[in-house]
PDB file of N, CA and C in Angstrom:
ATOM      1  N   GLN A   1       0.687  -1.442   0.018  1.00  0.00           N
ATOM      2  CA  GLN A   1      -0.062  -0.155  -0.230  1.00  0.00           C
ATOM      3  C   GLN A   1       0.849   1.474   0.178  1.00  0.00           C
ATOM      4  N   VAL A   2       0.622   2.394  -0.462  1.00  0.00           N
ATOM      5  CA  VAL A   2       1.486   3.394  -1.051  1.00  0.00           C
ATOM      6  C   VAL A   2       0.670   4.474  -0.115  1.00  0.00           C
ATOM      7  N   GLN A   3       1.682   5.260   0.438  1.00  0.00           N
ATOM      8  CA  GLN A   3       1.454   6.389   1.712  1.00  0.00           C
ATOM      9  C   GLN A   3       2.316   7.122   1.223  1.00  0.00           C
ATOM     10  N   LEU A   4       2.034   8.353   1.445  1.00  0.00           N
ATOM     11  CA  LEU A   4       2.949   9.562   1.202  1.00  0.00           C
ATOM     12  C   LEU A   4       2.514  10.492   2.532  1.00  0.00           C
ATOM     13  N   ALA A   5       3.684  10.680   3.283  1.00  0.00           N
ATOM     14  CA  ALA A   5       3.360  11.293   4.645  1.00  0.00           C
ATOM     15  C   ALA A   5       3.816  12.690   4.718  1.00  0.00           C
ATOM     16  N   GLU A   6       3.175  14.205   4.463  1.00  0.00           N
ATOM     17  CA  GLU A   6       3.983  15.358   4.799  1.00  0.00           C
ATOM     18  C   GLU A   6       4.273  15.592   6.354  1.00  0.00           C
ATOM     19  N   SER A   7       5.246  16.528   6.389  1.00  0.00           N
ATOM     20  CA  SER A   7       5.390  16.793   7.454  1.00  0.00           C
ATOM     21  C   SER A   7       6.145  18.174   7.277  1.00  0.00           C
ATOM     22  N   GLY A   8       6.485  19.139   8.367  1.00  0.00           N
ATOM     23  CA  GLY A   8       7.620  20.240   8.446  1.00  0.00           C
ATOM     24  C   GLY A   8       6.807  21.713   8.035  1.00  0.00           C
ATOM     25  N   GLY A   9       5.142  21.331   8.084  1.00  0.00           N
ATOM     26  CA  GLY A   9       4.591  22.596   7.945  1.00  0.00           C
ATOM     27  C   GLY A   9       4.651  23.591   9.359  1.00  0.00           C
ATOM     28  N   GLY A  10       4.063  24.482   9.412  1.00  0.00           N
ATOM     29  CA  GLY A  10       3.762  24.711  10.558  1.00  0.00           C
ATOM     30  C   GLY A  10       3.779  26.711  10.426  1.00  0.00           C
ATOM     31  N   SER A  11       3.904  27.424  11.204  1.00  0.00           N
ATOM     32  CA  SER A  11       3.763  28.944  11.441  1.00  0.00           C
ATOM     33  C   SER A  11       5.309  29.504  10.772  1.00  0.00           C
ATOM     34  N   ALA A  12       5.311  30.460  10.181  1.00  0.00           N
ATOM     35  CA  ALA A  12       6.521  31.408   9.923  1.00  0.00           C
ATOM     36  C   ALA A  12       6.374  32.825   9.682  1.00  0.00           C
ATOM     37  N   GLN A  13       7.345  33.522   9.776  1.00  0.00           N
ATOM     38  CA  GLN A  13       7.076  35.073   9.439  1.00  0.00           C
ATOM     39  C   GLN A  13       7.696  35.349   8.243  1.00  0.00           C
ATOM     40  N   ALA A  14       6.952  36.160   7.095  1.00  0.00           N
ATOM     41  CA  ALA A  14       7.343  36.492   5.853  1.00  0.00           C
ATOM     42  C   ALA A  14       8.761  36.946   6.083  1.00  0.00           C
ATOM     43  N   GLY A  15       9.550  36.065   4.845  1.00  0.00           N
ATOM     44  CA  GLY A  15      11.081  36.348   4.809  1.00  0.00           C
ATOM     45  C   GLY A  15      11.775  34.988   5.784  1.00  0.00           C
ATOM     46  N   GLU A  16      11.224  34.451   6.328  1.00  0.00           N
ATOM     47  CA  GLU A  16      11.538  33.166   6.810  1.00  0.00           C
ATOM     48  C   GLU A  16      11.686  31.679   6.144  1.00  0.00           C
ATOM     49  N   SER A  17      12.023  30.832   6.604  1.00  0.00           N
ATOM     50  CA  SER A  17      12.195  29.550   5.554  1.00  0.00           C
ATOM     51  C   SER A  17      11.541  28.402   6.327  1.00  0.00           C
ATOM     52  N   LEU A  18      10.607  27.738   5.552  1.00  0.00           N
ATOM     53  CA  LEU A  18      10.666  26.004   6.019  1.00  0.00           C
ATOM     54  C   LEU A  18      11.006  25.260   5.131  1.00  0.00           C
ATOM     55  N   LYS A  19      10.985  24.077   5.558  1.00  0.00           N
ATOM     56  CA  LYS A  19      11.245  22.592   4.729  1.00  0.00           C
ATOM     57  C   LYS A  19      10.405  21.784   4.820  1.00  0.00           C
ATOM     58  N   LEU A  20      10.153  21.322   3.736  1.00  0.00           N
ATOM     59  CA  LEU A  20       8.934  20.017   4.078  1.00  0.00           C
ATOM     60  C   LEU A  20       9.413  19.079   3.520  1.00  0.00           C
ATOM     61  N   THR A  21       8.578  17.642   4.211  1.00  0.00           N
ATOM     62  CA  THR A  21       9.153  16.515   4.042  1.00  0.00           C
ATOM     63  C   THR A  21       8.077  15.714   3.659  1.00  0.00           C
ATOM     64  N   CYS A  22       8.102  14.885   2.698  1.00  0.00           N
ATOM     65  CA  CYS A  22       7.521  13.529   2.526  1.00  0.00           C
ATOM     66  C   CYS A  22       7.853  12.506   2.300  1.00  0.00           C
ATOM     67  N   VAL A  23       7.666  11.697   3.156  1.00  0.00           N
ATOM     68  CA  VAL A  23       7.937   9.939   3.164  1.00  0.00           C
ATOM     69  C   VAL A  23       7.145   9.364   2.229  1.00  0.00           C
ATOM     70  N   VAL A  24       7.384   8.836   1.404  1.00  0.00           N
ATOM     71  CA  VAL A  24       6.806   7.564   0.722  1.00  0.00           C
ATOM     72  C   VAL A  24       7.371   6.104   0.811  1.00  0.00           C
ATOM     73  N   THR A  25       6.240   5.825   1.373  1.00  0.00           N
ATOM     74  CA  THR A  25       6.020   4.190   1.505  1.00  0.00           C
ATOM     75  C   THR A  25       5.757   3.255   0.609  1.00  0.00           C
ATOM     76  N   GLY A  26       5.953   2.052   0.288  1.00  0.00           N
ATOM     77  CA  GLY A  26       5.279   1.481  -0.582  1.00  0.00           C
ATOM     78  C   GLY A  26       5.804   1.778  -2.223  1.00  0.00           C
ATOM     79  N   TYR A  27       5.336   1.140  -3.024  1.00  0.00           N
ATOM     80  CA  TYR A  27       6.268   1.572  -4.174  1.00  0.00           C
ATOM     81  C   TYR A  27       5.519   2.215  -5.214  1.00  0.00           C
ATOM     82  N   ILE A  28       6.059   3.226  -5.996  1.00  0.00           N
ATOM     83  CA  ILE A  28       5.843   4.206  -6.901  1.00  0.00           C
ATOM     84  C   ILE A  28       6.622   4.167  -8.251  1.00  0.00           C
ATOM     85  N   SER A  29       6.231   3.841  -9.270  1.00  0.00           N
ATOM     86  CA  SER A  29       7.317   3.640 -10.163  1.00  0.00           C
ATOM     87  C   SER A  29       7.987   5.071 -10.522  1.00  0.00           C
ATOM     88  N   ARG A  30       9.075   5.213 -10.704  1.00  0.00           N
ATOM     89  CA  ARG A  30      10.008   6.103 -10.942  1.00  0.00           C
ATOM     90  C   ARG A  30       9.413   7.147 -12.002  1.00  0.00           C
ATOM     91  N   GLY A  31       8.832   6.584 -13.162  1.00  0.00           N
ATOM     92  CA  GLY A  31       8.158   7.286 -14.099  1.00  0.00           C
ATOM     93  C   GLY A  31       6.900   8.329 -13.803  1.00  0.00           C
ATOM     94  N   CYS A  32       6.338   8.056 -12.603  1.00  0.00           N
ATOM     95  CA  CYS A  32       5.590   8.518 -11.893  1.00  0.00           C
ATOM     96  C   CYS A  32       6.134  10.360 -11.827  1.00  0.00           C
ATOM     97  N   GLY A  33       7.214  10.385 -11.556  1.00  0.00           N
ATOM     98  CA  GLY A  33       7.868  11.914 -10.985  1.00  0.00           C
ATOM     99  C   GLY A  33       7.268  12.110  -9.406  1.00  0.00           C
ATOM    100  N   MET A  34       7.892  12.846  -8.976  1.00  0.00           N
ATOM    101  CA  MET A  34       7.103  13.533  -8.083  1.00  0.00           C
ATOM    102  C   MET A  34       6.551  15.035  -7.579  1.00  0.00           C
ATOM    103  N   GLY A  35       5.852  15.650  -7.016  1.00  0.00           N
ATOM    104  CA  GLY A  35       5.878  17.227  -6.925  1.00  0.00           C
ATOM    105  C   GLY A  35       5.238  17.426  -5.647  1.00  0.00           C
ATOM    106  N   TRP A  36       5.093  18.543  -5.821  1.00  0.00           N
ATOM    107  CA  TRP A  36       4.459  19.410  -4.493  1.00  0.00           C
ATOM    108  C   TRP A  36       3.608  20.245  -4.845  1.00  0.00           C
ATOM    109  N   TYR A  37       2.256  20.427  -4.483  1.00  0.00           N
ATOM    110  CA  TYR A  37       1.169  21.313  -4.967  1.00  0.00           C
ATOM    111  C   TYR A  37       0.257  21.892  -3.574  1.00  0.00           C
ATOM    112  N   ARG A  38      -0.215  22.968  -3.688  1.00  0.00           N
ATOM    113  CA  ARG A  38      -0.704  23.887  -2.494  1.00  0.00           C
ATOM    114  C   ARG A  38      -2.060  24.126  -2.963  1.00  0.00           C
ATOM    115  N   GLN A  39      -2.741  24.404  -1.688  1.00  0.00           N
ATOM    116  CA  GLN A  39      -4.339  25.116  -2.025  1.00  0.00           C
ATOM    117  C   GLN A  39      -4.376  25.960  -0.745  1.00  0.00           C
ATOM    118  N   ALA A  40      -4.524  26.964  -1.526  1.00  0.00           N
ATOM    119  CA  ALA A  40      -5.030  28.313  -0.310  1.00  0.00           C
ATOM    120  C   ALA A  40      -6.499  28.250  -0.444  1.00  0.00           C
ATOM    121  N   PRO A  41      -7.037  28.843   1.020  1.00  0.00           N
ATOM    122  CA  PRO A  41      -8.694  29.116   1.104  1.00  0.00           C
ATOM    123  C   PRO A  41      -8.918  29.857  -0.002  1.00  0.00           C
ATOM    124  N   GLY A  42     -10.152  29.027  -0.375  1.00  0.00           N
ATOM    125  CA  GLY A  42     -10.842  29.372  -1.559  1.00  0.00           C
ATOM    126  C   GLY A  42     -10.252  29.560  -2.726  1.00  0.00           C
ATOM    127  N   LEU A  43      -9.406  28.899  -3.143  1.00  0.00           N
ATOM    128  CA  LEU A  43      -8.538  28.551  -4.518  1.00  0.00           C
ATOM    129  C   LEU A  43      -8.339  27.194  -4.750  1.00  0.00           C
ATOM    130  N   GLU A  44      -8.238  27.370  -5.919  1.00  0.00           N
ATOM    131  CA  GLU A  44      -7.638  25.762  -6.717  1.00  0.00           C
ATOM    132  C   GLU A  44      -6.661  25.264  -6.477  1.00  0.00           C
ATOM    133  N   ARG A  45      -6.269  23.909  -6.527  1.00  0.00           N
ATOM    134  CA  ARG A  45      -4.851  23.512  -5.907  1.00  0.00           C
ATOM    135  C   ARG A  45      -4.048  23.892  -7.014  1.00  0.00           C
ATOM    136  N   GLU A  46      -3.102  24.070  -6.790  1.00  0.00           N
ATOM    137  CA  GLU A  46      -2.131  24.547  -7.708  1.00  0.00           C
ATOM    138  C   GLU A  46      -0.792  23.689  -7.522  1.00  0.00           C
ATOM    139  N   LEU A  47      -0.148  24.002  -8.908  1.00  0.00           N
ATOM    140  CA  LEU A  47       1.247  23.108  -8.621  1.00  0.00           C
ATOM    141  C   LEU A  47       2.217  24.110  -8.356  1.00  0.00           C
ATOM    142  N   VAL A  48       3.144  23.233  -7.346  1.00  0.00           N
ATOM    143  CA  VAL A  48       4.227  24.455  -6.606  1.00  0.00           C
ATOM    144  C   VAL A  48       5.958  23.964  -7.500  1.00  0.00           C
ATOM    145  N   ALA A  49       5.910  22.565  -7.562  1.00  0.00           N
ATOM    146  CA  ALA A  49       6.982  22.284  -7.936  1.00  0.00           C
ATOM    147  C   ALA A  49       7.029  20.839  -8.504  1.00  0.00           C
ATOM    148  N   THR A  50       7.766  20.414  -9.323  1.00  0.00           N
ATOM    149  CA  THR A  50       7.762  19.092  -9.644  1.00  0.00           C
ATOM    150  C   THR A  50       9.074  18.442  -9.951  1.00  0.00           C
ATOM    151  N   ILE A  51       9.470  17.228  -9.756  1.00  0.00           N
ATOM    152  CA  ILE A  51      10.805  16.682 -10.273  1.00  0.00           C
ATOM    153  C   ILE A  51      10.464  15.344 -10.797  1.00  0.00           C
ATOM    154  N   SER A  52      11.363  15.377 -12.236  1.00  0.00           N
ATOM    155  CA  SER A  52      11.181  13.995 -12.530  1.00  0.00           C
ATOM    156  C   SER A  52      12.101  12.673 -12.546  1.00  0.00           C
ATOM    157  N   ASN A  53      11.671  11.427 -13.059  1.00  0.00           N
ATOM    158  CA  ASN A  53      12.793  10.418 -12.626  1.00  0.00           C
ATOM    159  C   ASN A  53      14.119  10.679 -12.899  1.00  0.00           C
ATOM    160  N   ASP A  54      14.472  11.572 -13.948  1.00  0.00           N
ATOM    161  CA  ASP A  54      15.901  12.096 -14.308  1.00  0.00           C
ATOM    162  C   ASP A  54      16.468  13.056 -13.473  1.00  0.00           C
ATOM    163  N   GLY A  55      15.693  13.788 -12.447  1.00  0.00           N
ATOM    164  CA  GLY A  55      15.935  15.082 -11.484  1.00  0.00           C
ATOM    165  C   GLY A  55      15.606  16.421 -12.364  1.00  0.00           C
ATOM    166  N   THR A  56      14.985  16.504 -13.290  1.00  0.00           N
ATOM    167  CA  THR A  56      14.691  17.459 -13.924  1.00  0.00           C
ATOM    168  C   THR A  56      13.404  18.303 -12.981  1.00  0.00           C
ATOM    169  N   THR A  57      13.597  19.237 -12.784  1.00  0.00           N
ATOM    170  CA  THR A  57      12.851  20.131 -11.617  1.00  0.00           C
ATOM    171  C   THR A  57      12.393  21.142 -12.633  1.00  0.00           C
ATOM    172  N   SER A  58      10.956  21.502 -12.364  1.00  0.00           N
ATOM    173  CA  SER A  58      10.007  22.614 -12.878  1.00  0.00           C
ATOM    174  C   SER A  58       9.397  23.327 -11.464  1.00  0.00           C
ATOM    175  N   TYR A  59       9.086  24.486 -11.502  1.00  0.00           N
ATOM    176  CA  TYR A  59       8.604  25.545 -10.835  1.00  0.00           C
ATOM    177  C   TYR A  59       7.266  26.157 -11.159  1.00  0.00           C
ATOM    178  N   SER A  60       6.404  26.625 -10.453  1.00  0.00           N
ATOM    179  CA  SER A  60       5.536  27.527 -10.608  1.00  0.00           C
ATOM    180  C   SER A  60       6.088  29.065 -10.671  1.00  0.00           C
ATOM    181  N   ASP A  61       5.361  29.806 -11.282  1.00  0.00           N
ATOM    182  CA  ASP A  61       6.077  31.303 -11.293  1.00  0.00           C
ATOM    183  C   ASP A  61       6.618  31.892  -9.897  1.00  0.00           C
ATOM    184  N   SER A  62       5.816  31.487  -9.128  1.00  0.00           N
ATOM    185  CA  SER A  62       5.861  32.325  -7.819  1.00  0.00           C
ATOM    186  C   SER A  62       6.665  31.481  -6.968  1.00  0.00           C
ATOM    187  N   ALA A  63       6.967  30.078  -7.165  1.00  0.00           N
ATOM    188  CA  ALA A  63       8.059  29.311  -6.364  1.00  0.00           C
ATOM    189  C   ALA A  63       9.525  29.459  -6.807  1.00  0.00           C
ATOM    190  N   ARG A  64       9.516  29.676  -8.060  1.00  0.00           N
ATOM    191  CA  ARG A  64      11.010  29.998  -8.791  1.00  0.00           C
ATOM    192  C   ARG A  64      11.663  30.817  -8.184  1.00  0.00           C
ATOM    193  N   GLY A  65      13.225  30.238  -7.859  1.00  0.00           N
ATOM    194  CA  GLY A  65      13.981  31.433  -7.284  1.00  0.00           C
ATOM    195  C   GLY A  65      13.554  31.638  -5.865  1.00  0.00           C
ATOM    196  N   ARG A  66      12.705  30.901  -5.006  1.00  0.00           N
ATOM    197  CA  ARG A  66      12.541  30.884  -3.670  1.00  0.00           C
ATOM    198  C   ARG A  66      12.407  29.221  -2.878  1.00  0.00           C
ATOM    199  N   PHE A  67      12.141  28.374  -3.972  1.00  0.00           N
ATOM    200  CA  PHE A  67      11.822  27.287  -3.764  1.00  0.00           C
ATOM    201  C   PHE A  67      12.214  26.547  -4.263  1.00  0.00           C
ATOM    202  N   THR A  68      12.935  25.268  -3.787  1.00  0.00           N
ATOM    203  CA  THR A  68      13.873  24.315  -3.957  1.00  0.00           C
ATOM    204  C   THR A  68      13.400  22.548  -4.239  1.00  0.00           C
ATOM    205  N   ILE A  69      12.973  22.176  -5.107  1.00  0.00           N
ATOM    206  CA  ILE A  69      12.465  20.649  -4.821  1.00  0.00           C
ATOM    207  C   ILE A  69      13.805  19.655  -5.102  1.00  0.00           C
ATOM    208  N   SER A  70      13.520  18.610  -4.127  1.00  0.00           N
ATOM    209  CA  SER A  70      14.810  17.554  -4.227  1.00  0.00           C
ATOM    210  C   SER A  70      14.206  16.478  -3.650  1.00  0.00           C
ATOM    211  N   GLN A  71      14.767  15.554  -3.990  1.00  0.00           N
ATOM    212  CA  GLN A  71      14.250  13.881  -3.120  1.00  0.00           C
ATOM    213  C   GLN A  71      15.702  13.286  -3.100  1.00  0.00           C
ATOM    214  N   ASP A  72      15.258  11.864  -2.295  1.00  0.00           N
ATOM    215  CA  ASP A  72      16.536  11.325  -1.862  1.00  0.00           C
ATOM    216  C   ASP A  72      15.891   9.909  -2.287  1.00  0.00           C
ATOM    217  N   ASN A  73      16.484   9.369  -3.365  1.00  0.00           N
ATOM    218  CA  ASN A  73      16.009   8.096  -3.981  1.00  0.00           C
ATOM    219  C   ASN A  73      16.101   6.743  -3.144  1.00  0.00           C
ATOM    220  N   VAL A  74      16.922   6.931  -2.322  1.00  0.00           N
ATOM    221  CA  VAL A  74      17.502   5.692  -1.455  1.00  0.00           C
ATOM    222  C   VAL A  74      16.649   5.756  -0.440  1.00  0.00           C
ATOM    223  N   LYS A  75      16.089   6.790   0.418  1.00  0.00           N
ATOM    224  CA  LYS A  75      15.023   6.991   1.310  1.00  0.00           C
ATOM    225  C   LYS A  75      13.698   6.960   1.324  1.00  0.00           C
ATOM    226  N   ASN A  76      13.279   7.269  -0.324  1.00  0.00           N
ATOM    227  CA  ASN A  76      12.243   7.568  -0.767  1.00  0.00           C
ATOM    228  C   ASN A  76      11.342   8.547  -0.128  1.00  0.00           C
ATOM    229  N   ILE A  77      12.341   9.951   0.084  1.00  0.00           N
ATOM    230  CA  ILE A  77      11.760  11.270   0.369  1.00  0.00           C
ATOM    231  C   ILE A  77      11.793  12.513  -0.380  1.00  0.00           C
ATOM    232  N   LEU A  78      11.047  13.338  -0.320  1.00  0.00           N
ATOM    233  CA  LEU A  78      11.008  14.125  -1.332  1.00  0.00           C
ATOM    234  C   LEU A  78      11.007  15.467  -0.182  1.00  0.00           C
ATOM    235  N   TYR A  79      11.625  16.238  -0.701  1.00  0.00           N
ATOM    236  CA  TYR A  79      11.849  17.740   0.028  1.00  0.00           C
ATOM    237  C   TYR A  79      11.069  18.909  -0.856  1.00  0.00           C
ATOM    238  N   LEU A  80      10.844  20.004   0.279  1.00  0.00           N
ATOM    239  CA  LEU A  80      10.435  21.156  -0.531  1.00  0.00           C
ATOM    240  C   LEU A  80      11.093  22.546   0.288  1.00  0.00           C
ATOM    241  N   GLN A  81      12.170  22.948  -0.075  1.00  0.00           N
ATOM    242  CA  GLN A  81      12.839  24.071   0.658  1.00  0.00           C
ATOM    243  C   GLN A  81      12.393  25.143   0.419  1.00  0.00           C
ATOM    244  N   MET A  82      11.613  25.831   1.257  1.00  0.00           N
ATOM    245  CA  MET A  82      11.135  27.194   1.154  1.00  0.00           C
ATOM    246  C   MET A  82      11.753  28.482   1.865  1.00  0.00           C
ATOM    247  N   THR A  83      12.067  29.448   0.902  1.00  0.00           N
ATOM    248  CA  THR A  83      13.012  30.785   1.739  1.00  0.00           C
ATOM    249  C   THR A  83      12.169  31.794   1.242  1.00  0.00           C
ATOM    250  N   ASN A  84      12.661  32.885   1.965  1.00  0.00           N
ATOM    251  CA  ASN A  84      11.732  34.120   1.525  1.00  0.00           C
ATOM    252  C   ASN A  84      10.543  33.973   1.352  1.00  0.00           C
ATOM    253  N   LEU A  85       9.801  33.191   2.645  1.00  0.00           N
ATOM    254  CA  LEU A  85       8.272  32.807   2.595  1.00  0.00           C
ATOM    255  C   LEU A  85       7.662  34.277   2.569  1.00  0.00           C
ATOM    256  N   LYS A  86       5.962  34.308   1.912  1.00  0.00           N
ATOM    257  CA  LYS A  86       5.400  35.322   1.883  1.00  0.00           C
ATOM    258  C   LYS A  86       4.388  35.051   2.091  1.00  0.00           C
ATOM    259  N   ALA A  87       3.234  35.954   2.847  1.00  0.00           N
ATOM    260  CA  ALA A  87       1.924  35.663   3.164  1.00  0.00           C
ATOM    261  C   ALA A  87       0.942  34.828   1.954  1.00  0.00           C
ATOM    262  N   GLU A  88       1.442  35.099   0.983  1.00  0.00           N
ATOM    263  CA  GLU A  88       0.749  34.674  -0.137  1.00  0.00           C
ATOM    264  C   GLU A  88       0.940  32.986  -0.446  1.00  0.00           C
ATOM    265  N   ASP A  89       2.034  32.528   0.283  1.00  0.00           N
ATOM    266  CA  ASP A  89       2.504  31.363   0.768  1.00  0.00           C
ATOM    267  C   ASP A  89       1.737  30.600   1.270  1.00  0.00           C
ATOM    268  N   THR A  90       0.846  31.187   2.048  1.00  0.00           N
ATOM    269  CA  THR A  90      -0.034  30.236   3.135  1.00  0.00           C
ATOM    270  C   THR A  90      -1.334  29.262   2.398  1.00  0.00           C
ATOM    271  N   ALA A  91      -1.091  28.514   2.773  1.00  0.00           N
ATOM    272  CA  ALA A  91      -1.838  27.422   2.070  1.00  0.00           C
ATOM    273  C   ALA A  91      -1.553  25.619   2.722  1.00  0.00           C
ATOM    274  N   ILE A  92      -1.946  24.960   2.024  1.00  0.00           N
ATOM    275  CA  ILE A  92      -2.192  23.225   2.217  1.00  0.00           C
ATOM    276  C   ILE A  92      -1.378  23.041   1.355  1.00  0.00           C
ATOM    277  N   TYR A  93      -0.102  22.136   1.912  1.00  0.00           N
ATOM    278  CA  TYR A  93       0.846  21.728   0.634  1.00  0.00           C
ATOM    279  C   TYR A  93       0.977  20.236   0.756  1.00  0.00           C
ATOM    280  N   TYR A  94       0.619  19.910  -0.452  1.00  0.00           N
ATOM    281  CA  TYR A  94       0.571  18.438  -0.975  1.00  0.00           C
ATOM    282  C   TYR A  94       1.608  17.778  -1.342  1.00  0.00           C
ATOM    283  N   CYS A  95       2.200  16.828  -0.862  1.00  0.00           N
ATOM    284  CA  CYS A  95       2.751  15.884  -1.911  1.00  0.00           C
ATOM    285  C   CYS A  95       2.452  15.110  -2.645  1.00  0.00           C
ATOM    286  N   ALA A  96       3.002  14.648  -4.183  1.00  0.00           N
ATOM    287  CA  ALA A  96       1.919  13.660  -4.673  1.00  0.00           C
ATOM    288  C   ALA A  96       2.738  13.593  -5.819  1.00  0.00           C
ATOM    289  N   THR A  97       2.655  12.542  -6.832  1.00  0.00           N
ATOM    290  CA  THR A  97       3.099  12.178  -8.349  1.00  0.00           C
ATOM    291  C   THR A  97       3.040  13.183  -9.229  1.00  0.00           C
ATOM    292  N   ARG A  98       3.498  13.600 -10.118  1.00  0.00           N
ATOM    293  CA  ARG A  98       3.774  14.317 -10.795  1.00  0.00           C
ATOM    294  C   ARG A  98       2.769  13.874 -12.251  1.00  0.00           C
ATOM    295  N   LEU A  99       2.731  12.700 -12.577  1.00  0.00           N
ATOM    296  CA  LEU A  99       1.697  12.237 -13.315  1.00  0.00           C
ATOM    297  C   LEU A  99       0.617  11.843 -12.921  1.00  0.00           C
ATOM    298  N   HIS A 100      -0.016  12.455 -11.582  1.00  0.00           N
ATOM    299  CA  HIS A 100      -1.168  12.086 -10.869  1.00  0.00           C
ATOM    300  C   HIS A 100      -2.326  11.606 -11.776  1.00  0.00           C
ATOM    301  N   HIS A 101      -2.357  12.283 -12.600  1.00  0.00           N
ATOM    302  CA  HIS A 101      -3.618  12.317 -13.621  1.00  0.00           C
ATOM    303  C   HIS A 101      -3.769  10.702 -14.373  1.00  0.00           C
ATOM    304  N   LEU A 102      -2.483  10.196 -14.287  1.00  0.00           N
ATOM    305  CA  LEU A 102      -2.302   8.643 -14.872  1.00  0.00           C
ATOM    306  C   LEU A 102      -2.929   7.879 -13.322  1.00  0.00           C
ATOM    307  N   GLN A 103      -3.736   6.719 -13.700  1.00  0.00           N
ATOM    308  CA  GLN A 103      -4.378   5.751 -12.805  1.00  0.00           C
ATOM    309  C   GLN A 103      -3.173   5.210 -11.607  1.00  0.00           C
ATOM    310  N   GLU A 104      -2.384   4.979 -12.684  1.00  0.00           N
ATOM    311  CA  GLU A 104      -1.039   4.038 -12.081  1.00  0.00           C
ATOM    312  C   GLU A 104      -0.692   5.006 -11.200  1.00  0.00           C
ATOM    313  N   CYS A 105      -0.215   6.300 -11.261  1.00  0.00           N
ATOM    314  CA  CYS A 105       0.673   7.091 -10.643  1.00  0.00           C
ATOM    315  C   CYS A 105      -0.385   8.148  -9.422  1.00  0.00           C
ATOM    316  N   ASN A 106      -1.305   7.740  -9.604  1.00  0.00           N
ATOM    317  CA  ASN A 106      -2.524   8.677  -8.618  1.00  0.00           C
ATOM    318  C   ASN A 106      -2.256   8.356  -7.405  1.00  0.00           C
ATOM    319  N   TYR A 107      -1.466   9.496  -6.585  1.00  0.00           N
ATOM    320  CA  TYR A 107      -1.303   9.016  -5.391  1.00  0.00           C
ATOM    321  C   TYR A 107      -0.933  10.698  -4.617  1.00  0.00           C
ATOM    322  N   TRP A 108      -1.420  10.765  -3.604  1.00  0.00           N
ATOM    323  CA  TRP A 108      -1.483  12.082  -2.706  1.00  0.00           C
ATOM    324  C   TRP A 108      -1.222  11.860  -0.922  1.00  0.00           C
ATOM    325  N   GLY A 109      -0.865  12.884  -0.611  1.00  0.00           N
ATOM    326  CA  GLY A 109      -0.145  12.725   0.525  1.00  0.00           C
ATOM    327  C   GLY A 109      -1.548  13.514   1.472  1.00  0.00           C
ATOM    328  N   GLN A 110      -1.824  13.838   2.955  1.00  0.00           N
ATOM    329  CA  GLN A 110      -3.028  14.253   3.160  1.00  0.00           C
ATOM    330  C   GLN A 110      -2.678  15.629   3.362  1.00  0.00           C
ATOM    331  N   GLY A 111      -1.349  16.409   3.315  1.00  0.00           N
ATOM    332  CA  GLY A 111      -1.399  17.816   3.148  1.00  0.00           C
ATOM    333  C   GLY A 111      -0.790  18.135   4.568  1.00  0.00           C
ATOM    334  N   THR A 112      -0.063  19.394   4.552  1.00  0.00           N
ATOM    335  CA  THR A 112       0.604  19.830   5.908  1.00  0.00           C
ATOM    336  C   THR A 112       0.498  21.441   5.623  1.00  0.00           C
ATOM    337  N   GLN A 113      -0.229  22.070   6.649  1.00  0.00           N
ATOM    338  CA  GLN A 113      -0.489  23.563   6.803  1.00  0.00           C
ATOM    339  C   GLN A 113       0.541  24.323   6.810  1.00  0.00           C
ATOM    340  N   VAL A 114       0.991  25.181   5.788  1.00  0.00           N
ATOM    341  CA  VAL A 114       1.853  26.279   5.812  1.00  0.00           C
ATOM    342  C   VAL A 114       1.271  27.789   6.313  1.00  0.00           C
ATOM    343  N   THR A 115       1.492  28.608   7.199  1.00  0.00           N
ATOM    344  CA  THR A 115       0.869  29.826   7.419  1.00  0.00           C
ATOM    345  C   THR A 115       1.951  30.882   7.461  1.00  0.00           C
ATOM    346  N   VAL A 116       2.078  31.627   6.776  1.00  0.00           N
ATOM    347  CA  VAL A 116       3.119  32.933   6.820  1.00  0.00           C
ATOM    348  C   VAL A 116       2.259  34.351   7.274  1.00  0.00           C
ATOM    349  N   SER A 117       2.877  34.712   7.992  1.00  0.00           N
ATOM    350  CA  SER A 117       2.400  35.903   8.757  1.00  0.00           C
ATOM    351  C   SER A 117       3.089  37.013   8.011  1.00  0.00           C
ATOM    352  N   SER A 118       2.703  38.355   7.723  1.00  0.00           N
ATOM    353  CA  SER A 118       3.292  39.295   7.167  1.00  0.00           C
ATOM    354  C   SER A 118       3.731  40.415   8.450  1.00  0.00           C
TER     355      SER A 118
END
């Protein structure tokens, strides 16, 4: 059984940093890739960053230059280092596969809350 468990969320002041962690248990094909998504109150869920099985990364415009996605393939852990946080980064952050629209890759975590105060 596949499980994705996020941690590392919490409260921060604008300009501070947080690091999110997603521990993956069970088997997910490397081809699915991994990513971080977020959903702010009243808004649709949006992509933050993704990483492919070859290590290629991609970021949303809001995340580029401030956030860094990385993964430890040995420990099956996905990270999101967030720096220079802004109030608009406040959201629930989800760990999921990059190709989650495919049935065989459709895995999501429960989310971790990030709250940034200005």
